[in-house]
């Protein structure tokens, strides 16, 4: 009986961990893109100016 309660707890906590992981990855990707594009945009503005 004790072995049957462990998968239920794991299945309850797994979606929350998965969503948190997706949020971390998406936010990291967002900042990676922003930090990657900002120098390029500033360089282009500097070249035009």
C-alpha atoms as a PDB file:
ATOM      1  CA  UNK A   1       0.000   0.000   0.000  1.00  0.00           C
ATOM      2  CA  UNK A   2       2.851   2.354   0.757  1.00  0.00           C
ATOM      3  CA  UNK A   3       4.219   1.881  -2.754  1.00  0.00           C
ATOM      4  CA  UNK A   4       0.925   2.986  -4.311  1.00  0.00           C
ATOM      5  CA  UNK A   5       0.854   6.351  -2.532  1.00  0.00           C
ATOM      6  CA  UNK A   6       4.288   7.409  -3.816  1.00  0.00           C
ATOM      7  CA  UNK A   7       3.368   7.589  -7.541  1.00  0.00           C
ATOM      8  CA  UNK A   8       0.265   9.612  -6.671  1.00  0.00           C
ATOM      9  CA  UNK A   9       2.348  12.191  -4.809  1.00  0.00           C
ATOM     10  CA  UNK A  10       4.868  12.240  -7.648  1.00  0.00           C
ATOM     11  CA  UNK A  11       2.128  12.765 -10.210  1.00  0.00           C
ATOM     12  CA  UNK A  12       0.739  15.634  -8.134  1.00  0.00           C
ATOM     13  CA  UNK A  13       4.084  17.434  -7.854  1.00  0.00           C
ATOM     14  CA  UNK A  14       5.336  16.633 -11.347  1.00  0.00           C
ATOM     15  CA  UNK A  15       3.075  19.104 -13.247  1.00  0.00           C
ATOM     16  CA  UNK A  16       4.062  21.977 -10.928  1.00  0.00           C
ATOM     17  CA  UNK A  17       7.756  21.215 -11.402  1.00  0.00           C
ATOM     18  CA  UNK A  18       7.220  20.937 -15.149  1.00  0.00           C
ATOM     19  CA  UNK A  19       5.445  24.308 -15.320  1.00  0.00           C
ATOM     20  CA  UNK A  20       8.119  25.921 -13.172  1.00  0.00           C
ATOM     21  CA  UNK A  21      10.791  24.460 -15.417  1.00  0.00           C
ATOM     22  CA  UNK A  22       9.017  25.783 -18.512  1.00  0.00           C
ATOM     23  CA  UNK A  23       8.742  29.239 -16.947  1.00  0.00           C
ATOM     24  CA  UNK A  24      12.438  29.250 -16.074  1.00  0.00           C
ATOM     25  CA  UNK A  25      13.440  28.091 -19.566  1.00  0.00           C
ATOM     26  CA  UNK A  26      11.107  30.553 -21.293  1.00  0.00           C
ATOM     27  CA  UNK A  27      12.262  33.479 -19.151  1.00  0.00           C
ATOM     28  CA  UNK A  28      15.906  32.463 -19.681  1.00  0.00           C
ATOM     29  CA  UNK A  29      15.334  32.257 -23.432  1.00  0.00           C
ATOM     30  CA  UNK A  30      13.611  35.648 -23.403  1.00  0.00           C
ATOM     31  CA  UNK A  31      16.494  37.334 -21.592  1.00  0.00           C
ATOM     32  CA  UNK A  32      19.032  35.493 -23.759  1.00  0.00           C
ATOM     33  CA  UNK A  33      17.357  36.853 -26.894  1.00  0.00           C
ATOM     34  CA  UNK A  34      17.034  40.355 -25.444  1.00  0.00           C
ATOM     35  CA  UNK A  35      20.650  40.465 -24.264  1.00  0.00           C
ATOM     36  CA  UNK A  36      21.736  38.995 -27.575  1.00  0.00           C
ATOM     37  CA  UNK A  37      19.840  41.515 -29.717  1.00  0.00           C
ATOM     38  CA  UNK A  38      20.503  44.668 -27.689  1.00  0.00           C
ATOM     39  CA  UNK A  39      24.212  44.972 -28.624  1.00  0.00           C
ATOM     40  CA  UNK A  40      23.340  44.364 -32.290  1.00  0.00           C
ATOM     41  CA  UNK A  41      20.634  47.039 -32.248  1.00  0.00           C
ATOM     42  CA  UNK A  42      22.881  49.526 -30.456  1.00  0.00           C
ATOM     43  CA  UNK A  43      25.685  48.810 -32.942  1.00  0.00           C
ATOM     44  CA  UNK A  44      23.354  49.397 -35.904  1.00  0.00           C
ATOM     45  CA  UNK A  45      22.045  52.637 -34.388  1.00  0.00           C
ATOM     46  CA  UNK A  46      25.662  53.721 -33.791  1.00  0.00           C
ATOM     47  CA  UNK A  47      26.542  52.926 -37.419  1.00  0.00           C
ATOM     48  CA  UNK A  48      23.525  54.849 -38.749  1.00  0.00           C
ATOM     49  CA  UNK A  49      24.171  57.823 -36.472  1.00  0.00           C
END
